[in-house]
Every structure is written in structure tokens, then in C-alpha cells.
Amino acid sequence: LRKTGPFVALNCSALSETLLEGELFGYADGAFTGAKKGGKQGLFISADKGTIFLDEISEISLSMQTKLLRVLQEKEIRPIGSDKVVTVDVRIIAASNRNLKQAVANGKFRQDLYYRLNVLPVKIPPLRERKGDIILLLKHFLRQHYPDKEFNIHPQALAYLTSYSWPGNVRELDNFAERLS
């Protein structure tokens, strides 16, 4: 039902807590010094009737987790500096490179938020555990970086690439493809 709705993505680890709150919930005109005149619509409002993708969700503070939990439970937000509550209807997709269940056990991630988000878990194993994908992904990244070029990679190089552990995972492979191309 949301496939034609907006899709908004945010890397949660890239912003401080204050900036993250402003990005997610927006803010009213004059909410703080330096605020954009007229305020700013947050990503939850931008994603209304669609999807918001929160990458690296494990990096948000416990206090921000509480605010996010409220959005999930009540389906409403309050922009910073506003007394108006806005109803939102969004699907949330969250990703993390950390084990959130372990973060809950260590007190770093709210258990109630974990269970609210853990509706349809999809675990994507690291590249080192799916060697068969390495060459397919490499060819994809090479075509992406240079769509008009044809690349022939020596079989010994391919053997080396599939035996390498790729500690940087798919991002490392993508960077390697860019360097190679």
C-alpha cells in the first residue's frame, strides 16, 4: 500500500541528537537561534503515507529512542518549539550493523522499541559469509561506476577477491570497484 508513497532515508549516526530530532520531527518558526525562517518540516511528515528508513538506528540516544517509540505507538509527532501535534502514517524500516538484541541486554537500546521495530527482521549476512555474491556485486558496481565500459577480470584475480574476507563489507567492495574502474 505504501509503494507509491514517499521514501525518505536518514543515517542516524551522522547527526548529533539535537540535529537528529530536528530532522525527524521538524521545528516551528523561531524554535531556536538560527532556525530556518518559517520552520522546517521533519522527515516523518515528509514520509507520511510512505516509508522512512532509519539507518544505523543503534546509534541514537536512549532519550531519542523514547521519542521514536512515541511516534510508533501514538502515530503522532510534535515539531520542536511547536504546541501542535501532527498525525503521521509511516512505515519504518530500521537497519543496524550491531546486534540490537545484545544492545537491549546491555541497556544501550530500549527493549520496547526493539520489539516495536522487530516486526519483520531481515538478516543480511556479511559479504565474507556469502562468497557467491562477491563477483555479482563487483560486476554490478563496475557497471554502476562506468556503464559504458566492459571489464574482463583475470580468473586468478577473481579467485583472490572471493577468498578475501571484506572486513568493510559491501561498502569496501563498492570502493574497490570504483578504484578498479
N, C-alpha and C. Protein backbone atom coordinates (compact mmCIF):
# COMPACT_ATOMS: atom_id res chain seq x y z
N LEU A 1 0.81 -1.21 0.00
CA LEU A 1 0.00 0.00 0.00
C LEU A 1 0.84 1.27 0.00
N ARG A 2 2.08 1.15 0.45
CA ARG A 2 2.94 2.35 0.54
C ARG A 2 3.93 2.47 -0.62
N LYS A 3 3.87 1.55 -1.57
CA LYS A 3 4.89 1.53 -2.62
C LYS A 3 4.92 2.80 -3.46
N THR A 4 3.82 3.50 -3.58
CA THR A 4 3.82 4.74 -4.35
C THR A 4 4.00 5.97 -3.46
N GLY A 5 4.05 5.73 -2.15
CA GLY A 5 4.25 6.84 -1.21
C GLY A 5 5.70 7.27 -1.18
N PRO A 6 5.98 8.34 -0.46
CA PRO A 6 7.36 8.83 -0.36
C PRO A 6 8.27 7.85 0.37
N PHE A 7 9.53 7.87 0.00
CA PHE A 7 10.57 7.08 0.68
C PHE A 7 11.64 8.07 1.13
N VAL A 8 11.87 8.13 2.43
CA VAL A 8 12.83 9.06 3.00
C VAL A 8 13.84 8.26 3.81
N ALA A 9 15.13 8.53 3.61
CA ALA A 9 16.18 7.80 4.32
C ALA A 9 17.02 8.76 5.15
N LEU A 10 17.49 8.27 6.28
CA LEU A 10 18.34 9.07 7.16
C LEU A 10 19.34 8.16 7.86
N ASN A 11 20.61 8.57 7.84
CA ASN A 11 21.64 7.87 8.59
C ASN A 11 21.68 8.48 9.99
N CYS A 12 21.20 7.75 10.96
CA CYS A 12 21.07 8.26 12.33
C CYS A 12 22.42 8.54 12.99
N SER A 13 23.47 7.89 12.55
CA SER A 13 24.78 8.08 13.18
C SER A 13 25.47 9.34 12.67
N ALA A 14 24.94 9.95 11.62
CA ALA A 14 25.61 11.09 11.00
C ALA A 14 25.27 12.42 11.68
N LEU A 15 24.30 12.42 12.59
CA LEU A 15 23.83 13.67 13.18
C LEU A 15 23.88 13.62 14.71
N SER A 16 24.09 14.77 15.31
CA SER A 16 24.01 14.86 16.77
C SER A 16 22.55 14.68 17.18
N GLU A 17 22.32 14.46 18.45
CA GLU A 17 20.95 14.23 18.93
C GLU A 17 20.04 15.40 18.60
N THR A 18 20.53 16.62 18.79
CA THR A 18 19.72 17.81 18.52
C THR A 18 19.37 17.92 17.05
N LEU A 19 20.36 17.73 16.18
CA LEU A 19 20.09 17.79 14.74
C LEU A 19 19.17 16.66 14.29
N LEU A 20 19.37 15.48 14.87
CA LEU A 20 18.55 14.33 14.52
C LEU A 20 17.09 14.61 14.86
N GLU A 21 16.84 15.18 16.03
CA GLU A 21 15.48 15.50 16.43
C GLU A 21 14.85 16.49 15.47
N GLY A 22 15.59 17.51 15.08
CA GLY A 22 15.09 18.49 14.13
C GLY A 22 14.81 17.89 12.77
N GLU A 23 15.68 16.99 12.33
CA GLU A 23 15.48 16.34 11.02
C GLU A 23 14.25 15.43 11.04
N LEU A 24 14.09 14.67 12.11
CA LEU A 24 12.98 13.73 12.17
C LEU A 24 11.63 14.41 12.40
N PHE A 25 11.59 15.33 13.35
CA PHE A 25 10.31 15.91 13.77
C PHE A 25 10.05 17.30 13.22
N GLY A 26 11.08 17.94 12.68
CA GLY A 26 10.92 19.29 12.18
C GLY A 26 10.91 20.29 13.33
N TYR A 27 10.75 21.56 13.00
CA TYR A 27 10.70 22.58 14.04
C TYR A 27 9.86 23.75 13.57
N ALA A 28 9.33 24.45 14.56
CA ALA A 28 8.48 25.61 14.30
C ALA A 28 9.35 26.84 14.05
N ASP A 29 8.76 27.85 13.42
CA ASP A 29 9.42 29.13 13.19
C ASP A 29 9.87 29.70 14.53
N GLY A 30 11.14 30.08 14.63
CA GLY A 30 11.67 30.68 15.84
C GLY A 30 11.92 29.70 16.97
N ALA A 31 11.95 28.42 16.67
CA ALA A 31 12.13 27.40 17.72
C ALA A 31 13.48 27.54 18.42
N PHE A 32 14.49 28.00 17.70
CA PHE A 32 15.82 28.19 18.28
C PHE A 32 16.59 29.18 17.43
N THR A 33 17.69 29.68 17.98
CA THR A 33 18.53 30.62 17.26
C THR A 33 19.08 29.95 16.01
N GLY A 34 18.96 30.61 14.90
CA GLY A 34 19.48 30.07 13.64
C GLY A 34 18.50 29.16 12.93
N ALA A 35 17.29 29.01 13.49
CA ALA A 35 16.29 28.16 12.85
C ALA A 35 15.85 28.78 11.53
N LYS A 36 15.57 27.94 10.57
CA LYS A 36 15.12 28.39 9.25
C LYS A 36 13.81 29.17 9.40
N LYS A 37 13.74 30.32 8.76
CA LYS A 37 12.53 31.14 8.84
C LYS A 37 11.35 30.35 8.29
N GLY A 38 10.28 30.35 9.06
CA GLY A 38 9.10 29.58 8.67
C GLY A 38 9.10 28.17 9.22
N GLY A 39 10.20 27.77 9.86
CA GLY A 39 10.30 26.41 10.41
C GLY A 39 10.72 25.42 9.36
N LYS A 40 10.67 24.17 9.72
CA LYS A 40 11.08 23.10 8.80
C LYS A 40 10.23 21.87 9.03
N GLN A 41 9.77 21.30 7.95
CA GLN A 41 9.00 20.06 8.02
C GLN A 41 9.97 18.91 8.29
N GLY A 42 9.65 18.06 9.23
CA GLY A 42 10.51 16.93 9.54
C GLY A 42 10.33 15.78 8.58
N LEU A 43 11.24 14.82 8.66
CA LEU A 43 11.19 13.68 7.75
C LEU A 43 9.98 12.79 7.97
N PHE A 44 9.47 12.74 9.22
CA PHE A 44 8.27 11.95 9.44
C PHE A 44 7.08 12.51 8.67
N ILE A 45 6.98 13.83 8.62
CA ILE A 45 5.90 14.45 7.85
C ILE A 45 6.16 14.25 6.36
N SER A 46 7.41 14.37 5.94
CA SER A 46 7.76 14.14 4.52
C SER A 46 7.44 12.72 4.08
N ALA A 47 7.55 11.77 5.01
CA ALA A 47 7.33 10.36 4.69
C ALA A 47 5.88 9.91 4.92
N ASP A 48 5.01 10.84 5.29
CA ASP A 48 3.63 10.48 5.58
C ASP A 48 3.02 9.69 4.42
N LYS A 49 2.35 8.61 4.74
CA LYS A 49 1.74 7.67 3.77
C LYS A 49 2.79 6.89 2.99
N GLY A 50 4.03 6.93 3.46
CA GLY A 50 5.12 6.22 2.80
C GLY A 50 6.01 5.54 3.83
N THR A 51 7.31 5.59 3.55
CA THR A 51 8.29 4.85 4.34
C THR A 51 9.43 5.76 4.75
N ILE A 52 9.89 5.57 5.99
CA ILE A 52 11.10 6.24 6.44
C ILE A 52 12.11 5.14 6.79
N PHE A 53 13.32 5.29 6.26
CA PHE A 53 14.39 4.32 6.51
C PHE A 53 15.39 4.95 7.46
N LEU A 54 15.53 4.36 8.63
CA LEU A 54 16.45 4.85 9.65
C LEU A 54 17.65 3.92 9.70
N ASP A 55 18.73 4.33 9.06
CA ASP A 55 19.95 3.55 9.02
C ASP A 55 20.75 3.81 10.28
N GLU A 56 21.44 2.80 10.76
CA GLU A 56 22.26 2.88 11.98
C GLU A 56 21.43 3.34 13.17
N ILE A 57 20.27 2.74 13.34
CA ILE A 57 19.37 3.12 14.43
C ILE A 57 19.97 2.83 15.80
N SER A 58 20.91 1.92 15.86
CA SER A 58 21.55 1.58 17.13
C SER A 58 22.34 2.75 17.71
N GLU A 59 22.61 3.75 16.89
CA GLU A 59 23.45 4.88 17.33
C GLU A 59 22.66 6.01 17.99
N ILE A 60 21.34 5.92 18.03
CA ILE A 60 20.58 7.02 18.62
C ILE A 60 20.52 6.86 20.14
N SER A 61 20.44 7.99 20.83
CA SER A 61 20.45 8.00 22.30
C SER A 61 19.16 7.39 22.85
N LEU A 62 19.22 7.01 24.12
CA LEU A 62 18.03 6.45 24.76
C LEU A 62 16.89 7.46 24.80
N SER A 63 17.21 8.73 24.98
CA SER A 63 16.15 9.74 25.01
C SER A 63 15.50 9.89 23.63
N MET A 64 16.28 9.82 22.58
CA MET A 64 15.70 9.88 21.23
C MET A 64 14.92 8.60 20.93
N GLN A 65 15.36 7.48 21.47
CA GLN A 65 14.62 6.22 21.31
C GLN A 65 13.23 6.35 21.93
N THR A 66 13.14 7.04 23.06
CA THR A 66 11.85 7.26 23.71
C THR A 66 10.93 8.07 22.81
N LYS A 67 11.47 9.09 22.17
CA LYS A 67 10.67 9.93 21.27
C LYS A 67 10.23 9.13 20.04
N LEU A 68 11.11 8.30 19.54
CA LEU A 68 10.78 7.46 18.40
C LEU A 68 9.70 6.45 18.76
N LEU A 69 9.80 5.90 19.95
CA LEU A 69 8.79 4.94 20.42
C LEU A 69 7.41 5.59 20.47
N ARG A 70 7.37 6.83 20.90
CA ARG A 70 6.09 7.55 20.95
C ARG A 70 5.48 7.68 19.55
N VAL A 71 6.32 7.95 18.56
CA VAL A 71 5.82 8.04 17.18
C VAL A 71 5.22 6.71 16.76
N LEU A 72 5.90 5.63 17.09
CA LEU A 72 5.41 4.30 16.72
C LEU A 72 4.10 3.96 17.42
N GLN A 73 3.99 4.31 18.69
CA GLN A 73 2.82 3.96 19.47
C GLN A 73 1.63 4.88 19.18
N GLU A 74 1.87 6.17 19.17
CA GLU A 74 0.79 7.15 19.05
C GLU A 74 0.53 7.62 17.63
N LYS A 75 1.50 7.36 16.73
CA LYS A 75 1.41 7.80 15.32
C LYS A 75 1.25 9.32 15.22
N GLU A 76 1.98 10.01 16.08
CA GLU A 76 1.96 11.47 16.03
C GLU A 76 3.31 12.03 16.47
N ILE A 77 3.59 13.23 15.98
CA ILE A 77 4.82 13.92 16.33
C ILE A 77 4.49 15.34 16.75
N ARG A 78 5.44 15.94 17.43
CA ARG A 78 5.33 17.36 17.77
C ARG A 78 6.63 18.01 17.34
N PRO A 79 6.58 18.90 16.33
CA PRO A 79 7.80 19.59 15.91
C PRO A 79 8.40 20.38 17.07
N ILE A 80 9.70 20.53 17.07
CA ILE A 80 10.39 21.28 18.12
C ILE A 80 9.85 22.71 18.16
N GLY A 81 9.54 23.17 19.35
CA GLY A 81 9.07 24.53 19.53
C GLY A 81 7.62 24.76 19.14
N SER A 82 6.90 23.69 18.85
CA SER A 82 5.50 23.82 18.45
C SER A 82 4.61 23.24 19.53
N ASP A 83 3.39 23.77 19.62
CA ASP A 83 2.43 23.17 20.54
C ASP A 83 1.40 22.34 19.78
N LYS A 84 1.66 22.18 18.48
CA LYS A 84 0.77 21.43 17.60
C LYS A 84 1.26 19.99 17.45
N VAL A 85 0.34 19.06 17.58
CA VAL A 85 0.64 17.65 17.37
C VAL A 85 0.18 17.29 15.95
N VAL A 86 1.03 16.59 15.22
CA VAL A 86 0.74 16.22 13.84
C VAL A 86 0.65 14.70 13.73
N THR A 87 -0.43 14.21 13.17
CA THR A 87 -0.61 12.77 12.98
C THR A 87 0.19 12.35 11.74
N VAL A 88 0.92 11.23 11.88
CA VAL A 88 1.68 10.70 10.75
C VAL A 88 1.38 9.22 10.57
N ASP A 89 1.41 8.79 9.35
CA ASP A 89 1.17 7.40 8.99
C ASP A 89 2.36 6.93 8.16
N VAL A 90 3.35 6.35 8.83
CA VAL A 90 4.57 5.93 8.14
C VAL A 90 4.94 4.50 8.49
N ARG A 91 5.58 3.87 7.53
CA ARG A 91 6.21 2.58 7.79
C ARG A 91 7.66 2.90 8.10
N ILE A 92 8.19 2.26 9.13
CA ILE A 92 9.59 2.48 9.49
C ILE A 92 10.39 1.23 9.17
N ILE A 93 11.46 1.44 8.42
CA ILE A 93 12.44 0.38 8.19
C ILE A 93 13.70 0.84 8.90
N ALA A 94 14.22 -0.01 9.76
CA ALA A 94 15.41 0.34 10.53
C ALA A 94 16.51 -0.67 10.23
N ALA A 95 17.74 -0.17 10.20
CA ALA A 95 18.88 -1.03 9.94
C ALA A 95 19.98 -0.72 10.94
N SER A 96 20.77 -1.73 11.21
CA SER A 96 21.90 -1.56 12.12
C SER A 96 22.95 -2.61 11.79
N ASN A 97 24.20 -2.23 11.97
CA ASN A 97 25.26 -3.23 11.80
C ASN A 97 25.59 -3.87 13.15
N ARG A 98 24.86 -3.48 14.18
CA ARG A 98 25.05 -4.05 15.51
C ARG A 98 23.90 -4.99 15.85
N ASN A 99 24.16 -5.87 16.78
CA ASN A 99 23.14 -6.80 17.26
C ASN A 99 22.26 -6.04 18.25
N LEU A 100 21.05 -5.68 17.83
CA LEU A 100 20.16 -4.90 18.69
C LEU A 100 19.69 -5.68 19.91
N LYS A 101 19.53 -6.97 19.76
CA LYS A 101 19.13 -7.79 20.91
C LYS A 101 20.20 -7.73 22.00
N GLN A 102 21.45 -7.75 21.58
CA GLN A 102 22.57 -7.62 22.53
C GLN A 102 22.60 -6.21 23.12
N ALA A 103 22.31 -5.20 22.31
CA ALA A 103 22.26 -3.82 22.80
C ALA A 103 21.16 -3.66 23.85
N VAL A 104 20.04 -4.35 23.67
CA VAL A 104 18.97 -4.34 24.68
C VAL A 104 19.50 -4.96 25.97
N ALA A 105 20.17 -6.10 25.86
CA ALA A 105 20.70 -6.78 27.05
C ALA A 105 21.73 -5.91 27.78
N ASN A 106 22.46 -5.09 27.03
CA ASN A 106 23.48 -4.21 27.63
C ASN A 106 22.92 -2.86 28.07
N GLY A 107 21.62 -2.65 27.91
CA GLY A 107 21.00 -1.39 28.31
C GLY A 107 21.26 -0.24 27.37
N LYS A 108 21.71 -0.51 26.16
CA LYS A 108 22.02 0.53 25.18
C LYS A 108 20.88 0.79 24.20
N PHE A 109 19.88 -0.09 24.21
CA PHE A 109 18.75 0.06 23.30
C PHE A 109 17.49 -0.36 24.05
N ARG A 110 16.44 0.42 23.90
CA ARG A 110 15.19 0.16 24.61
C ARG A 110 14.54 -1.13 24.12
N GLN A 111 14.17 -1.98 25.07
CA GLN A 111 13.54 -3.24 24.73
C GLN A 111 12.20 -3.04 24.03
N ASP A 112 11.39 -2.09 24.53
CA ASP A 112 10.08 -1.87 23.93
C ASP A 112 10.21 -1.36 22.49
N LEU A 113 11.21 -0.53 22.23
CA LEU A 113 11.44 -0.06 20.86
C LEU A 113 11.93 -1.20 19.98
N TYR A 114 12.80 -2.02 20.52
CA TYR A 114 13.30 -3.18 19.77
C TYR A 114 12.14 -4.04 19.29
N TYR A 115 11.20 -4.34 20.18
CA TYR A 115 10.09 -5.21 19.80
C TYR A 115 9.09 -4.50 18.88
N ARG A 116 8.99 -3.20 18.96
CA ARG A 116 8.14 -2.45 18.03
C ARG A 116 8.72 -2.47 16.62
N LEU A 117 10.05 -2.40 16.54
CA LEU A 117 10.71 -2.38 15.23
C LEU A 117 10.90 -3.78 14.65
N ASN A 118 10.98 -4.78 15.49
CA ASN A 118 11.32 -6.13 15.07
C ASN A 118 10.11 -6.90 14.55
N VAL A 119 9.38 -6.31 13.62
CA VAL A 119 8.18 -6.93 13.06
C VAL A 119 8.56 -7.97 12.01
N LEU A 120 9.41 -7.59 11.10
CA LEU A 120 9.84 -8.48 10.02
C LEU A 120 11.36 -8.37 9.89
N PRO A 121 12.08 -9.11 10.72
CA PRO A 121 13.54 -8.98 10.66
C PRO A 121 14.13 -9.62 9.40
N VAL A 122 15.08 -8.93 8.82
CA VAL A 122 15.80 -9.44 7.66
C VAL A 122 17.28 -9.35 8.00
N LYS A 123 17.92 -10.50 8.14
CA LYS A 123 19.35 -10.51 8.45
C LYS A 123 20.11 -10.74 7.16
N ILE A 124 20.96 -9.80 6.83
CA ILE A 124 21.80 -9.94 5.64
C ILE A 124 23.20 -10.27 6.15
N PRO A 125 23.66 -11.47 5.88
CA PRO A 125 24.98 -11.86 6.36
C PRO A 125 26.07 -10.99 5.73
N PRO A 126 27.19 -10.85 6.42
CA PRO A 126 28.29 -10.08 5.84
C PRO A 126 28.80 -10.77 4.57
N LEU A 127 29.45 -10.00 3.75
CA LEU A 127 29.95 -10.48 2.46
C LEU A 127 30.86 -11.71 2.61
N ARG A 128 31.63 -11.76 3.68
CA ARG A 128 32.54 -12.90 3.88
C ARG A 128 31.78 -14.23 4.05
N GLU A 129 30.48 -14.13 4.38
CA GLU A 129 29.66 -15.34 4.55
C GLU A 129 28.84 -15.66 3.30
N ARG A 130 28.95 -14.84 2.28
CA ARG A 130 28.23 -15.10 1.03
C ARG A 130 29.15 -14.83 -0.15
N LYS A 131 30.16 -15.66 -0.24
CA LYS A 131 31.20 -15.53 -1.26
C LYS A 131 30.63 -15.52 -2.68
N GLY A 132 29.52 -16.21 -2.89
CA GLY A 132 28.92 -16.28 -4.21
C GLY A 132 28.41 -14.94 -4.71
N ASP A 133 28.20 -14.01 -3.82
CA ASP A 133 27.69 -12.69 -4.21
C ASP A 133 28.79 -11.72 -4.62
N ILE A 134 30.02 -12.03 -4.27
CA ILE A 134 31.12 -11.08 -4.47
C ILE A 134 31.28 -10.69 -5.94
N ILE A 135 31.36 -11.66 -6.81
CA ILE A 135 31.58 -11.37 -8.23
C ILE A 135 30.36 -10.67 -8.83
N LEU A 136 29.17 -11.12 -8.46
CA LEU A 136 27.95 -10.46 -8.95
C LEU A 136 27.91 -9.00 -8.53
N LEU A 137 28.21 -8.74 -7.26
CA LEU A 137 28.21 -7.37 -6.77
C LEU A 137 29.32 -6.54 -7.41
N LEU A 138 30.50 -7.15 -7.58
CA LEU A 138 31.61 -6.43 -8.21
C LEU A 138 31.22 -5.99 -9.62
N LYS A 139 30.64 -6.89 -10.40
CA LYS A 139 30.22 -6.55 -11.75
C LYS A 139 29.14 -5.46 -11.73
N HIS A 140 28.23 -5.55 -10.78
CA HIS A 140 27.19 -4.52 -10.64
C HIS A 140 27.82 -3.16 -10.36
N PHE A 141 28.74 -3.10 -9.40
CA PHE A 141 29.38 -1.83 -9.03
C PHE A 141 30.22 -1.29 -10.19
N LEU A 142 30.91 -2.15 -10.90
CA LEU A 142 31.70 -1.69 -12.05
C LEU A 142 30.79 -1.07 -13.10
N ARG A 143 29.65 -1.72 -13.39
CA ARG A 143 28.68 -1.16 -14.36
C ARG A 143 28.11 0.16 -13.85
N GLN A 144 27.93 0.24 -12.56
CA GLN A 144 27.37 1.47 -11.98
C GLN A 144 28.35 2.63 -12.12
N HIS A 145 29.63 2.37 -11.89
CA HIS A 145 30.64 3.43 -11.97
C HIS A 145 30.99 3.80 -13.41
N TYR A 146 31.02 2.80 -14.28
CA TYR A 146 31.32 3.04 -15.70
C TYR A 146 30.39 2.20 -16.56
N PRO A 147 29.18 2.71 -16.79
CA PRO A 147 28.18 1.91 -17.52
C PRO A 147 28.56 1.58 -18.97
N ASP A 148 29.42 2.37 -19.58
CA ASP A 148 29.75 2.16 -20.99
C ASP A 148 31.01 1.31 -21.19
N LYS A 149 31.59 0.84 -20.12
CA LYS A 149 32.85 0.10 -20.21
C LYS A 149 32.61 -1.38 -19.92
N GLU A 150 33.34 -2.22 -20.61
CA GLU A 150 33.29 -3.67 -20.38
C GLU A 150 34.56 -4.06 -19.63
N PHE A 151 34.41 -4.80 -18.55
CA PHE A 151 35.56 -5.20 -17.75
C PHE A 151 35.76 -6.71 -17.83
N ASN A 152 37.00 -7.10 -18.07
CA ASN A 152 37.38 -8.51 -18.03
C ASN A 152 38.37 -8.67 -16.89
N ILE A 153 38.02 -9.49 -15.94
CA ILE A 153 38.88 -9.67 -14.76
C ILE A 153 39.49 -11.07 -14.83
N HIS A 154 40.77 -11.11 -14.66
CA HIS A 154 41.51 -12.37 -14.73
C HIS A 154 40.98 -13.36 -13.69
N PRO A 155 40.87 -14.65 -14.06
CA PRO A 155 40.35 -15.66 -13.13
C PRO A 155 41.12 -15.73 -11.80
N GLN A 156 42.45 -15.51 -11.84
CA GLN A 156 43.21 -15.52 -10.58
C GLN A 156 42.81 -14.35 -9.69
N ALA A 157 42.52 -13.20 -10.30
CA ALA A 157 42.06 -12.03 -9.54
C ALA A 157 40.70 -12.33 -8.92
N LEU A 158 39.82 -12.98 -9.69
CA LEU A 158 38.51 -13.33 -9.17
C LEU A 158 38.63 -14.30 -7.99
N ALA A 159 39.56 -15.25 -8.11
CA ALA A 159 39.78 -16.20 -7.01
C ALA A 159 40.26 -15.47 -5.76
N TYR A 160 41.17 -14.52 -5.95
CA TYR A 160 41.66 -13.74 -4.81
C TYR A 160 40.51 -12.95 -4.18
N LEU A 161 39.70 -12.31 -5.01
CA LEU A 161 38.60 -11.48 -4.50
C LEU A 161 37.59 -12.29 -3.70
N THR A 162 37.34 -13.52 -4.12
CA THR A 162 36.39 -14.35 -3.38
C THR A 162 37.01 -14.96 -2.12
N SER A 163 38.32 -15.00 -2.05
CA SER A 163 38.96 -15.54 -0.83
C SER A 163 39.21 -14.44 0.22
N TYR A 164 39.17 -13.20 -0.21
CA TYR A 164 39.38 -12.07 0.70
C TYR A 164 38.17 -11.95 1.64
N SER A 165 38.38 -11.53 2.90
CA SER A 165 37.29 -11.52 3.89
C SER A 165 36.40 -10.27 3.86
N TRP A 166 36.78 -9.23 3.15
CA TRP A 166 36.00 -8.00 3.02
C TRP A 166 35.50 -7.46 4.37
N PRO A 167 36.43 -7.06 5.25
CA PRO A 167 36.02 -6.55 6.56
C PRO A 167 35.16 -5.29 6.47
N GLY A 168 35.28 -4.54 5.39
CA GLY A 168 34.44 -3.35 5.18
C GLY A 168 33.13 -3.67 4.50
N ASN A 169 32.90 -4.96 4.28
CA ASN A 169 31.66 -5.47 3.72
C ASN A 169 31.39 -4.90 2.32
N VAL A 170 30.14 -4.70 1.97
CA VAL A 170 29.76 -4.28 0.62
C VAL A 170 30.30 -2.89 0.29
N ARG A 171 30.40 -2.02 1.30
CA ARG A 171 30.94 -0.68 1.05
C ARG A 171 32.40 -0.77 0.59
N GLU A 172 33.15 -1.67 1.19
CA GLU A 172 34.55 -1.85 0.78
C GLU A 172 34.61 -2.37 -0.65
N LEU A 173 33.75 -3.32 -0.98
CA LEU A 173 33.73 -3.86 -2.34
C LEU A 173 33.35 -2.77 -3.35
N ASP A 174 32.38 -1.94 -3.01
CA ASP A 174 31.99 -0.84 -3.89
C ASP A 174 33.15 0.13 -4.10
N ASN A 175 33.85 0.48 -3.03
CA ASN A 175 35.01 1.36 -3.15
C ASN A 175 36.11 0.72 -3.99
N PHE A 176 36.30 -0.58 -3.81
CA PHE A 176 37.29 -1.30 -4.60
C PHE A 176 36.91 -1.25 -6.09
N ALA A 177 35.64 -1.46 -6.39
CA ALA A 177 35.18 -1.42 -7.78
C ALA A 177 35.40 -0.04 -8.39
N GLU A 178 35.15 1.00 -7.61
CA GLU A 178 35.37 2.36 -8.11
C GLU A 178 36.85 2.58 -8.40
N ARG A 179 37.71 2.12 -7.49
CA ARG A 179 39.15 2.26 -7.67
C ARG A 179 39.60 1.46 -8.89
N LEU A 180 39.09 0.25 -9.03
CA LEU A 180 39.45 -0.63 -10.13
C LEU A 180 39.01 -0.03 -11.47
N SER A 181 37.84 0.55 -11.49
CA SER A 181 37.33 1.08 -12.75
C SER A 181 38.06 2.35 -13.13
